[in-house]
């Protein structure tokens, strides 16, 4: 009998993909399925970006690129960050990676080991905890609470730090709750970390352009006092509807950039060349498709919240970012994962149970409003019929 090393027994998974597979199987059997589970835009990648990839293929861009990414693309990332946040970023600290998860994986591998503590948001993206446990580090959940509008609390985060803390993972705008952490809390967190220069920060800002109700995205890149220990995670998947292209980027402190580069060489060599040329066009070409998509998400957000709050036993505060609603279902009498499963199997509405995002997710389900307004209306009506039985 084959025996793998123990760390592989600790790997979790992202249940959204299991729900996606089950929804596909039910659809193949003839069920009319509305998928509000998977977190990806339902818009196509803008034509100019697709054409840039096609042109790259036709121009013979078929070979390896530097492991860190095309120099022109890394320069474009730095220029985009300067345009949006007025920060200087050295292109030689930018790493192009095959999807945002790669940055999580790399950062957590760097700082996670037995005896180390890593703080992460709960409810939060499930891969954070999965990779922390894989390394043997102790996962320390930072509560993300509805009464705090699903933003993280600086005081609560700082209270969880121990002498063993090596890395803190932050996510705003947040998956799965849609919370946006205000500048005052980030200021307080950064100030509170002044006497712990040994703690690294991983800031997951993949939804940074999906904000509503006048909310401001505060990038941790704008705090010079932590730049020497800050790892920024971002990419193209959400903003440019490019989930299947598998493209991300990260910005690393100079002292550890070469460690990330070496992992790239060992693990994936480089990101595929045509996708990188598409990414360059995304950053340097017209941005009107992004604005149109976010405006439509805002309309769907308002519709989703309004309709959810008419359902028996359900309440939903308005998310301030990303494209997720995280309604409270405690008054329905259902456990979250059981309700999500029943909704899919009996009504054809795919959602994700809150516990798939952490122990503090019980009492909630996640709905992605990256779907049409008609489908959102239909899905909520199916939920209403189910809950009213």
Protein backbone atom coordinates (compact mmCIF):
# COMPACT_ATOMS: atom_id res chain seq x y z
CA UNK A 1 0.00 0.00 0.00
CA UNK A 2 1.32 3.43 -0.96
CA UNK A 3 1.93 5.84 1.88
CA UNK A 4 2.27 9.55 1.27
CA UNK A 5 3.86 11.97 3.72
CA UNK A 6 1.53 13.13 6.49
CA UNK A 7 1.31 16.72 5.23
CA UNK A 8 -0.75 15.59 2.22
CA UNK A 9 -3.40 14.21 4.56
CA UNK A 10 -3.85 17.74 5.92
CA UNK A 11 -4.72 19.37 2.59
CA UNK A 12 -8.29 20.64 2.42
CA UNK A 13 -10.10 21.89 -0.65
CA UNK A 14 -12.37 24.58 -2.01
CA UNK A 15 -15.88 23.17 -1.86
CA UNK A 16 -17.14 25.64 -4.47
CA UNK A 17 -15.61 23.36 -7.10
CA UNK A 18 -17.38 20.32 -5.64
CA UNK A 19 -20.67 22.24 -5.80
CA UNK A 20 -19.84 23.27 -9.38
CA UNK A 21 -19.29 19.62 -10.31
CA UNK A 22 -22.52 18.51 -8.63
CA UNK A 23 -24.46 21.31 -10.29
CA UNK A 24 -23.04 20.21 -13.65
CA UNK A 25 -24.04 16.61 -13.00
CA UNK A 26 -27.60 17.63 -12.11
CA UNK A 27 -27.80 19.81 -15.22
CA UNK A 28 -26.60 16.86 -17.32
CA UNK A 29 -29.47 14.83 -15.85
CA UNK A 30 -31.93 17.47 -17.05
CA UNK A 31 -32.37 19.68 -13.99
CA UNK A 32 -32.60 23.43 -14.57
CA UNK A 33 -29.71 24.64 -12.40
CA UNK A 34 -28.97 28.25 -11.46
CA UNK A 35 -25.42 28.47 -10.19
CA UNK A 36 -24.93 31.12 -7.52
CA UNK A 37 -22.10 29.11 -6.02
CA UNK A 38 -18.94 29.56 -8.07
CA UNK A 39 -17.08 32.85 -7.71
CA UNK A 40 -16.45 33.98 -11.24
CA UNK A 41 -17.83 36.77 -13.43
CA UNK A 42 -20.44 35.64 -15.94
CA UNK A 43 -19.10 38.17 -18.44
CA UNK A 44 -16.78 37.12 -21.27
CA UNK A 45 -13.21 38.32 -21.29
CA UNK A 46 -13.21 41.65 -23.22
CA UNK A 47 -12.54 41.25 -26.94
CA UNK A 48 -9.39 43.38 -26.99
CA UNK A 49 -7.79 41.09 -24.40
CA UNK A 50 -8.73 37.93 -26.32
CA UNK A 51 -7.38 39.42 -29.53
CA UNK A 52 -4.08 40.24 -27.84
CA UNK A 53 -3.65 36.57 -26.96
CA UNK A 54 -4.60 35.48 -30.48
CA UNK A 55 -2.11 37.96 -31.95
CA UNK A 56 0.61 36.68 -29.62
CA UNK A 57 -0.01 33.14 -30.82
CA UNK A 58 0.06 34.20 -34.46
CA UNK A 59 3.21 36.23 -33.87
CA UNK A 60 5.00 33.15 -32.59
CA UNK A 61 4.94 33.81 -28.85
CA UNK A 62 5.09 30.09 -28.15
CA UNK A 63 8.17 29.71 -25.97
CA UNK A 64 9.33 30.14 -22.42
CA UNK A 65 9.36 33.54 -20.78
CA UNK A 66 11.39 34.56 -17.72
CA UNK A 67 10.20 32.71 -14.63
CA UNK A 68 9.22 36.03 -13.09
CA UNK A 69 7.13 37.07 -16.10
CA UNK A 70 7.61 39.22 -19.17
CA UNK A 71 9.56 42.37 -18.21
CA UNK A 72 7.08 44.55 -20.10
CA UNK A 73 4.20 43.01 -18.13
CA UNK A 74 5.92 43.48 -14.78
CA UNK A 75 6.51 47.12 -15.74
CA UNK A 76 2.84 47.47 -16.64
CA UNK A 77 1.81 46.06 -13.25
CA UNK A 78 4.04 48.60 -11.50
CA UNK A 79 2.61 51.41 -13.65
CA UNK A 80 -0.96 50.31 -12.93
CA UNK A 81 -0.33 50.28 -9.17
CA UNK A 82 1.16 53.77 -9.43
CA UNK A 83 -1.84 55.00 -11.42
CA UNK A 84 -4.36 53.64 -8.96
CA UNK A 85 -2.59 54.08 -5.61
CA UNK A 86 0.22 56.57 -6.26
CA UNK A 87 2.82 54.09 -4.99
CA UNK A 88 6.22 53.31 -6.43
CA UNK A 89 6.75 49.61 -7.15
CA UNK A 90 9.97 48.13 -8.49
CA UNK A 91 9.08 45.90 -11.48
CA UNK A 92 11.84 43.60 -10.27
CA UNK A 93 9.73 42.90 -7.17
CA UNK A 94 6.71 41.84 -9.27
CA UNK A 95 6.16 38.13 -9.91
CA UNK A 96 3.70 36.94 -12.58
CA UNK A 97 2.04 33.72 -11.44
CA UNK A 98 -0.54 31.21 -12.78
CA UNK A 99 -3.45 32.39 -10.63
CA UNK A 100 -3.91 34.09 -7.27
CA UNK A 101 -3.73 30.85 -5.28
CA UNK A 102 -0.07 30.50 -6.23
CA UNK A 103 0.80 33.60 -4.22
CA UNK A 104 -1.02 32.19 -1.18
CA UNK A 105 0.74 28.86 -1.60
CA UNK A 106 4.17 30.47 -1.94
CA UNK A 107 3.78 32.89 0.97
CA UNK A 108 2.33 30.30 3.35
CA UNK A 109 5.07 27.81 2.42
CA UNK A 110 7.67 30.48 3.19
CA UNK A 111 6.43 31.22 6.69
CA UNK A 112 4.52 28.11 7.74
CA UNK A 113 6.19 25.32 9.67
CA UNK A 114 5.54 23.39 12.89
CA UNK A 115 5.72 25.80 15.80
CA UNK A 116 4.64 28.83 13.76
CA UNK A 117 1.29 30.64 14.01
CA UNK A 118 -0.42 32.08 10.93
CA UNK A 119 -3.47 34.34 11.29
CA UNK A 120 -6.15 34.17 8.61
CA UNK A 121 -9.73 35.48 8.20
CA UNK A 122 -12.67 33.27 9.22
CA UNK A 123 -15.00 33.14 7.35
CA UNK A 124 -12.44 33.44 4.59
CA UNK A 125 -11.13 31.86 1.43
CA UNK A 126 -10.74 28.16 2.37
CA UNK A 127 -7.32 27.73 0.79
CA UNK A 128 -5.75 29.93 3.47
CA UNK A 129 -6.42 27.40 6.23
CA UNK A 130 -5.79 24.42 3.98
CA UNK A 131 -2.28 25.55 3.11
CA UNK A 132 -1.49 26.63 6.68
CA UNK A 133 -2.35 23.14 7.90
CA UNK A 134 -0.35 21.59 5.06
CA UNK A 135 2.81 23.34 6.30
CA UNK A 136 2.25 22.14 9.87
CA UNK A 137 1.80 25.68 11.20
CA UNK A 138 -1.04 26.48 13.62
CA UNK A 139 -3.97 28.20 11.90
CA UNK A 140 -5.30 31.06 14.03
CA UNK A 141 -8.69 32.32 12.81
CA UNK A 142 -9.38 36.06 12.86
CA UNK A 143 -13.16 36.42 13.31
CA UNK A 144 -14.97 38.27 10.53
CA UNK A 145 -18.24 39.35 12.12
CA UNK A 146 -21.56 40.48 10.69
CA UNK A 147 -21.91 43.13 13.40
CA UNK A 148 -18.68 44.65 12.10
CA UNK A 149 -20.05 44.74 8.52
CA UNK A 150 -17.77 41.76 7.78
CA UNK A 151 -14.64 43.89 8.04
CA UNK A 152 -11.74 42.67 10.17
CA UNK A 153 -11.13 44.31 13.53
CA UNK A 154 -7.59 45.59 14.07
CA UNK A 155 -7.89 45.23 17.85
CA UNK A 156 -9.09 41.63 17.61
CA UNK A 157 -6.41 40.78 15.07
CA UNK A 158 -3.66 42.27 17.21
CA UNK A 159 -4.97 40.44 20.30
CA UNK A 160 -4.40 37.10 18.57
CA UNK A 161 -0.69 37.67 17.93
CA UNK A 162 1.69 35.44 19.87
CA UNK A 163 5.50 35.18 19.95
CA UNK A 164 5.06 32.38 17.38
CA UNK A 165 3.14 34.53 14.85
CA UNK A 166 4.97 34.57 11.52
CA UNK A 167 2.34 35.69 8.98
CA UNK A 168 -0.99 37.54 8.98
CA UNK A 169 -3.33 37.09 6.00
CA UNK A 170 -5.70 39.95 5.22
CA UNK A 171 -8.45 40.12 2.58
CA UNK A 172 -10.41 43.24 1.66
CA UNK A 173 -12.72 43.41 -0.25
CA UNK A 174 -13.43 40.00 1.15
CA UNK A 175 -14.55 36.59 -0.02
CA UNK A 176 -17.04 35.20 1.08
CA UNK A 177 -18.68 38.04 2.99
CA UNK A 178 -18.17 41.07 0.74
CA UNK A 179 -16.80 43.14 3.62
CA UNK A 180 -14.52 46.13 3.06
CA UNK A 181 -12.18 47.13 5.89
CA UNK A 182 -12.03 50.91 6.43
CA UNK A 183 -8.84 52.91 6.50
CA UNK A 184 -9.14 53.56 10.24
CA UNK A 185 -8.85 49.84 11.01
CA UNK A 186 -5.93 49.33 8.65
CA UNK A 187 -4.15 52.35 10.15
CA UNK A 188 -4.63 50.85 13.60
CA UNK A 189 -3.39 47.44 12.51
CA UNK A 190 -0.25 48.82 10.87
CA UNK A 191 0.50 50.95 13.93
CA UNK A 192 -0.01 47.96 16.20
CA UNK A 193 2.54 45.92 14.25
CA UNK A 194 5.30 48.51 14.65
CA UNK A 195 6.98 46.53 17.44
CA UNK A 196 6.77 43.20 15.56
CA UNK A 197 8.89 43.68 12.42
CA UNK A 198 9.33 39.91 12.25
CA UNK A 199 5.69 39.35 11.21
CA UNK A 200 5.00 39.21 7.46
CA UNK A 201 1.72 40.33 5.91
CA UNK A 202 -0.08 38.77 2.96
CA UNK A 203 -2.70 41.17 1.60
CA UNK A 204 -5.17 39.50 -0.76
CA UNK A 205 -6.54 42.38 -2.85
CA UNK A 206 -7.93 40.40 -5.80
CA UNK A 207 -11.31 42.21 -5.59
CA UNK A 208 -9.80 45.69 -5.23
CA UNK A 209 -11.77 47.23 -8.10
CA UNK A 210 -15.15 45.81 -7.05
CA UNK A 211 -16.44 48.37 -4.55
CA UNK A 212 -19.88 49.91 -3.99
CA UNK A 213 -21.65 52.71 -2.11
CA UNK A 214 -18.63 54.98 -2.42
CA UNK A 215 -16.33 52.62 -0.52
CA UNK A 216 -12.58 53.17 -0.84
CA UNK A 217 -10.06 50.40 -1.33
CA UNK A 218 -7.07 50.94 0.94
CA UNK A 219 -4.11 48.99 -0.42
CA UNK A 220 -1.51 47.96 2.11
CA UNK A 221 1.06 48.98 -0.49
CA UNK A 222 0.38 52.58 0.56
CA UNK A 223 1.99 52.03 3.99
CA UNK A 224 5.76 52.50 3.57
CA UNK A 225 6.45 51.30 7.12
CA UNK A 226 5.44 47.73 6.21
CA UNK A 227 6.64 47.48 2.60
CA UNK A 228 9.70 45.47 3.67
CA UNK A 229 7.42 42.65 4.93
CA UNK A 230 4.33 42.99 2.74
CA UNK A 231 3.33 40.47 0.07
CA UNK A 232 0.59 41.74 -2.23
CA UNK A 233 -1.73 39.28 -3.99
CA UNK A 234 -3.66 40.47 -7.05
CA UNK A 235 -4.40 39.46 -10.62
CA UNK A 236 -6.68 39.51 -13.61
CA UNK A 237 -9.26 36.80 -12.84
CA UNK A 238 -12.00 38.90 -11.27
CA UNK A 239 -11.41 42.40 -12.62
CA UNK A 240 -11.12 41.36 -16.26
CA UNK A 241 -13.30 38.21 -16.21
CA UNK A 242 -10.26 36.00 -16.85
CA UNK A 243 -10.70 33.20 -14.31
CA UNK A 244 -9.87 30.45 -16.78
CA UNK A 245 -6.74 32.18 -18.05
CA UNK A 246 -5.01 31.45 -14.70
CA UNK A 247 -3.17 34.73 -14.30
CA UNK A 248 -2.10 36.53 -11.18
CA UNK A 249 0.65 38.75 -9.92
CA UNK A 250 2.31 39.41 -6.61
CA UNK A 251 4.60 42.09 -5.22
CA UNK A 252 7.29 40.90 -2.82
CA UNK A 253 9.74 42.53 -0.43
CA UNK A 254 13.16 42.64 -2.03
CA UNK A 255 14.69 40.48 0.70
CA UNK A 256 12.54 37.45 -0.15
CA UNK A 257 11.75 38.01 -3.83
CA UNK A 258 14.46 35.64 -4.99
CA UNK A 259 13.03 32.87 -2.82
CA UNK A 260 9.69 33.26 -4.62
CA UNK A 261 11.50 33.30 -7.99
CA UNK A 262 13.28 30.05 -7.16
CA UNK A 263 9.98 28.38 -6.29
CA UNK A 264 8.61 29.54 -9.66
CA UNK A 265 11.55 27.94 -11.44
CA UNK A 266 11.02 24.69 -9.56
CA UNK A 267 7.23 24.54 -9.75
CA UNK A 268 5.86 26.07 -12.96
CA UNK A 269 8.84 27.46 -14.92
CA UNK A 270 6.83 30.41 -16.21
CA UNK A 271 3.30 31.53 -17.02
CA UNK A 272 2.24 30.77 -20.58
CA UNK A 273 3.36 33.48 -22.97
CA UNK A 274 0.12 34.35 -24.88
CA UNK A 275 -1.77 34.81 -21.61
CA UNK A 276 0.86 37.29 -20.46
CA UNK A 277 0.43 39.36 -23.61
CA UNK A 278 -3.32 39.30 -22.97
CA UNK A 279 -2.66 40.50 -19.42
CA UNK A 280 -0.57 43.36 -20.78
CA UNK A 281 -3.46 44.48 -22.99
CA UNK A 282 -5.83 44.23 -20.01
CA UNK A 283 -3.74 46.70 -18.00
CA UNK A 284 -2.80 49.09 -20.79
CA UNK A 285 -5.93 48.97 -22.96
CA UNK A 286 -9.39 50.50 -22.42
CA UNK A 287 -10.89 50.03 -18.96
CA UNK A 288 -14.53 50.72 -19.90
CA UNK A 289 -15.45 47.01 -19.80
CA UNK A 290 -14.32 46.85 -16.16
CA UNK A 291 -16.44 49.86 -15.22
CA UNK A 292 -19.47 48.42 -17.03
CA UNK A 293 -19.11 45.04 -15.32
CA UNK A 294 -18.79 46.56 -11.85
CA UNK A 295 -21.81 48.80 -12.49
CA UNK A 296 -23.87 45.75 -13.43
CA UNK A 297 -22.64 43.89 -10.35
CA UNK A 298 -23.79 46.83 -8.25
CA UNK A 299 -27.28 46.59 -9.75
CA UNK A 300 -27.37 42.86 -9.09
CA UNK A 301 -26.03 43.38 -5.57
CA UNK A 302 -28.90 45.70 -4.67
CA UNK A 303 -31.42 43.33 -6.25
CA UNK A 304 -29.99 40.30 -4.44
CA UNK A 305 -30.01 41.96 -1.02
CA UNK A 306 -33.51 43.34 -1.51
CA UNK A 307 -34.90 39.94 -2.52
CA UNK A 308 -33.05 37.93 0.13
CA UNK A 309 -34.46 40.16 2.85
CA UNK A 310 -37.99 39.16 1.79
CA UNK A 311 -37.36 35.46 2.45
CA UNK A 312 -38.65 33.82 5.62
CA UNK A 313 -35.93 33.40 8.23
CA UNK A 314 -33.23 35.13 6.17
CA UNK A 315 -31.56 38.51 6.62
CA UNK A 316 -28.75 40.00 4.55
CA UNK A 317 -26.67 43.13 5.10
CA UNK A 318 -25.45 44.85 1.91
CA UNK A 319 -21.97 43.71 0.89
CA UNK A 320 -19.60 46.59 0.16
CA UNK A 321 -17.27 44.80 -2.24
CA UNK A 322 -16.58 41.72 -4.41
CA UNK A 323 -19.65 39.95 -5.85
CA UNK A 324 -20.94 37.87 -2.95
CA UNK A 325 -23.86 38.10 -0.55
CA UNK A 326 -23.54 36.30 2.79
CA UNK A 327 -27.06 36.11 4.21
CA UNK A 328 -27.78 35.05 7.77
CA UNK A 329 -29.98 31.93 7.76
CA UNK A 330 -30.08 31.16 11.49
CA UNK A 331 -33.81 31.90 11.78
CA UNK A 332 -34.68 29.27 9.17
CA UNK A 333 -33.78 26.47 11.59
CA UNK A 334 -31.41 24.93 9.04
CA UNK A 335 -27.71 24.24 9.37
CA UNK A 336 -25.91 26.05 6.59
CA UNK A 337 -24.39 23.15 4.64
CA UNK A 338 -27.60 21.13 4.89
CA UNK A 339 -29.60 24.07 3.53
CA UNK A 340 -27.14 24.65 0.68
CA UNK A 341 -27.29 20.96 -0.25
CA UNK A 342 -31.10 20.85 -0.11
CA UNK A 343 -31.42 23.99 -2.22
CA UNK A 344 -29.24 22.45 -4.91
CA UNK A 345 -30.74 18.96 -4.88
CA UNK A 346 -34.39 20.01 -4.57
CA UNK A 347 -34.60 23.41 -6.30
CA UNK A 348 -31.57 23.53 -8.58
CA UNK A 349 -30.11 26.60 -6.86
CA UNK A 350 -26.38 26.24 -6.17
CA UNK A 351 -25.02 28.13 -3.15
CA UNK A 352 -22.15 27.46 -0.72
CA UNK A 353 -22.63 26.69 2.97
CA UNK A 354 -20.86 29.12 5.26
CA UNK A 355 -18.83 26.46 7.12
CA UNK A 356 -16.96 25.79 3.86
CA UNK A 357 -15.28 29.14 4.60
CA UNK A 358 -14.49 28.45 8.24
CA UNK A 359 -16.00 27.46 11.55
CA UNK A 360 -17.49 30.93 12.00
CA UNK A 361 -19.40 30.53 8.73
CA UNK A 362 -22.14 28.47 10.38
CA UNK A 363 -25.46 30.31 10.14
CA UNK A 364 -24.70 31.75 6.71
CA UNK A 365 -24.66 30.74 3.06
CA UNK A 366 -22.77 32.43 0.24
CA UNK A 367 -24.44 33.49 -2.97
CA UNK A 368 -22.52 34.89 -5.91
CA UNK A 369 -24.48 37.56 -7.76
CA UNK A 370 -22.20 37.12 -10.76
CA UNK A 371 -25.24 35.89 -12.63
CA UNK A 372 -28.04 37.55 -14.59
CA UNK A 373 -30.76 39.55 -12.90
CA UNK A 374 -33.38 37.16 -14.29
CA UNK A 375 -31.54 34.17 -12.84
CA UNK A 376 -31.17 35.89 -9.47
CA UNK A 377 -34.91 36.59 -9.36
CA UNK A 378 -35.72 33.01 -10.35
CA UNK A 379 -33.28 31.55 -7.81
CA UNK A 380 -34.69 33.59 -4.95
CA UNK A 381 -38.23 32.60 -5.86
CA UNK A 382 -37.21 28.94 -5.77
CA UNK A 383 -35.64 29.56 -2.36
CA UNK A 384 -38.85 31.25 -1.19
CA UNK A 385 -40.98 28.29 -2.25
CA UNK A 386 -38.59 25.87 -0.55
CA UNK A 387 -38.42 27.80 2.72
CA UNK A 388 -42.16 28.31 2.83
CA UNK A 389 -42.99 24.61 2.72
